[in-house]
Amino acid sequence: MKKEQNGHSASKSQDQKKEKIKQNNSSAKRATSNSSKKSATGIGEKTKADLLEIAKRAGVAGRHAMTKDELINAINKKID
């Protein structure tokens, strides 16, 4: 971990990545494997390419073999 100037141990870039993932997925907690229940403006509207990028930043393993619904569920698990 990087040492901040104020003496606290923290990784600024990791915190920023986590915050960006949360911002990109503000509706992620409402998403379920049932696509009819996905928010029209939430994570269910994202393309698979978008979801793959979000999953990459979240550290989801095996993401390329996943369906769109599986990506959404995996991202949700990483965020919770």
Protein backbone atom coordinates (compact mmCIF):
# COMPACT_ATOMS: atom_id res chain seq x y z
CA MET A 1 0.00 0.00 0.00
CA LYS A 2 1.09 3.55 -0.61
CA LYS A 3 1.84 5.78 2.32
CA GLU A 4 -0.16 9.00 2.26
CA GLN A 5 1.54 12.26 3.29
CA ASN A 6 -0.60 12.45 6.40
CA GLY A 7 0.73 9.09 7.58
CA HIS A 8 -2.33 6.95 6.86
CA SER A 9 -1.85 3.75 4.91
CA ALA A 10 -4.16 3.76 1.94
CA SER A 11 -4.10 3.31 -1.77
CA LYS A 12 -5.63 6.34 -3.39
CA SER A 13 -5.90 4.67 -6.79
CA GLN A 14 -7.68 1.62 -5.33
CA ASP A 15 -10.15 3.85 -3.53
CA GLN A 16 -10.75 5.79 -6.73
CA LYS A 17 -11.32 2.57 -8.70
CA LYS A 18 -13.82 1.30 -6.13
CA GLU A 19 -15.68 4.60 -6.17
CA LYS A 20 -15.81 4.64 -9.97
CA ILE A 21 -17.17 1.08 -10.04
CA LYS A 22 -19.86 2.08 -7.53
CA GLN A 23 -20.75 5.14 -9.60
CA ASN A 24 -20.94 3.10 -12.81
CA ASN A 25 -23.21 0.61 -11.10
CA SER A 26 -25.49 2.69 -8.95
CA SER A 27 -28.35 0.42 -9.97
CA ALA A 28 -26.35 -2.79 -9.65
CA LYS A 29 -27.91 -3.86 -6.36
CA ARG A 30 -31.34 -3.90 -8.01
CA ALA A 31 -30.15 -6.05 -10.91
CA THR A 32 -30.98 -9.73 -10.76
CA SER A 33 -30.45 -12.70 -13.03
CA ASN A 34 -34.00 -12.14 -14.30
CA SER A 35 -33.51 -9.54 -17.04
CA SER A 36 -37.16 -8.42 -16.86
CA LYS A 37 -36.49 -7.07 -13.36
CA LYS A 38 -33.46 -4.97 -14.38
CA SER A 39 -33.70 -1.21 -14.12
CA ALA A 40 -34.19 0.38 -17.53
CA THR A 41 -31.48 2.93 -16.82
CA GLY A 42 -29.20 0.73 -14.70
CA ILE A 43 -26.58 -1.89 -15.25
CA GLY A 44 -28.93 -3.98 -17.39
CA GLU A 45 -28.75 -1.30 -20.10
CA LYS A 46 -24.97 -1.63 -20.42
CA THR A 47 -23.45 -3.53 -23.32
CA LYS A 48 -21.50 -6.70 -22.70
CA ALA A 49 -18.32 -4.79 -23.61
CA ASP A 50 -19.15 -2.19 -20.93
CA LEU A 51 -19.83 -4.94 -18.40
CA LEU A 52 -16.54 -6.65 -19.26
CA GLU A 53 -14.67 -3.40 -18.56
CA ILE A 54 -16.48 -2.90 -15.27
CA ALA A 55 -15.82 -6.53 -14.32
CA LYS A 56 -12.14 -6.12 -15.19
CA ARG A 57 -11.84 -3.09 -12.88
CA ALA A 58 -13.71 -5.00 -10.17
CA GLY A 59 -11.37 -7.99 -10.47
CA VAL A 60 -13.91 -10.54 -11.70
CA ALA A 61 -12.13 -13.72 -12.79
CA GLY A 62 -13.41 -15.70 -15.78
CA ARG A 63 -15.38 -12.72 -17.06
CA HIS A 64 -14.86 -13.43 -20.78
CA ALA A 65 -16.70 -16.75 -20.55
CA MET A 66 -19.70 -15.20 -18.76
CA THR A 67 -23.05 -14.20 -20.20
CA LYS A 68 -24.34 -10.69 -19.68
CA ASP A 69 -26.50 -11.81 -16.73
CA GLU A 70 -23.58 -13.67 -15.16
CA LEU A 71 -21.41 -10.55 -15.49
CA ILE A 72 -24.07 -8.46 -13.78
CA ASN A 73 -24.31 -10.94 -10.90
CA ALA A 74 -20.52 -11.18 -10.55
CA ILE A 75 -20.18 -7.38 -10.50
CA ASN A 76 -22.91 -7.14 -7.88
CA LYS A 77 -21.09 -9.64 -5.67
CA LYS A 78 -17.84 -7.66 -5.93
CA ILE A 79 -19.57 -4.41 -5.01
CA ASP A 80 -21.41 -5.79 -1.96
